[in-house]
Amino acid sequence: MARAIWKYTIGFLQGGFGEFDIPDPGFITAVGNEGPDVVVFWAEVDPSPRARTSQRSFQIHGTGHPIPEGQVYVGTTQTVITTDSPRGHNHRSGPVWHLYEVPRA
């Protein structure tokens, strides 16, 4: 079986919730962000058109926010906000987001 890494995106415009058909094995390798309002994750998949897929659901939670019972932790990412100043770029920590998988009912 060939393997590849595919990227999946969850934005806050979708309410921090995303459903995806992810080819097996679907092992999540990393969590990151693209700006302050988009969380991304990468999964190792079988890229073959005949690969079996599983529909999987994920939700983003902020630090200190309640996590519904049964959700399974996947990973954490922290946004970095860059601003310009007379001395160059300033970096400061932004929100921290936690990705959880929502179990199938």
Foldseek 3Di string as FASTA:
>chain_A
DDKDKDKDKAFCVVVQKDKDFAFPPFAWDDWEADPDTMIMTITIHDPDPPTHTDIWMKGKDWPPDDDDPPWAWDDKYWDWDWDADPVGIDIDTDTMITMTIHDDD
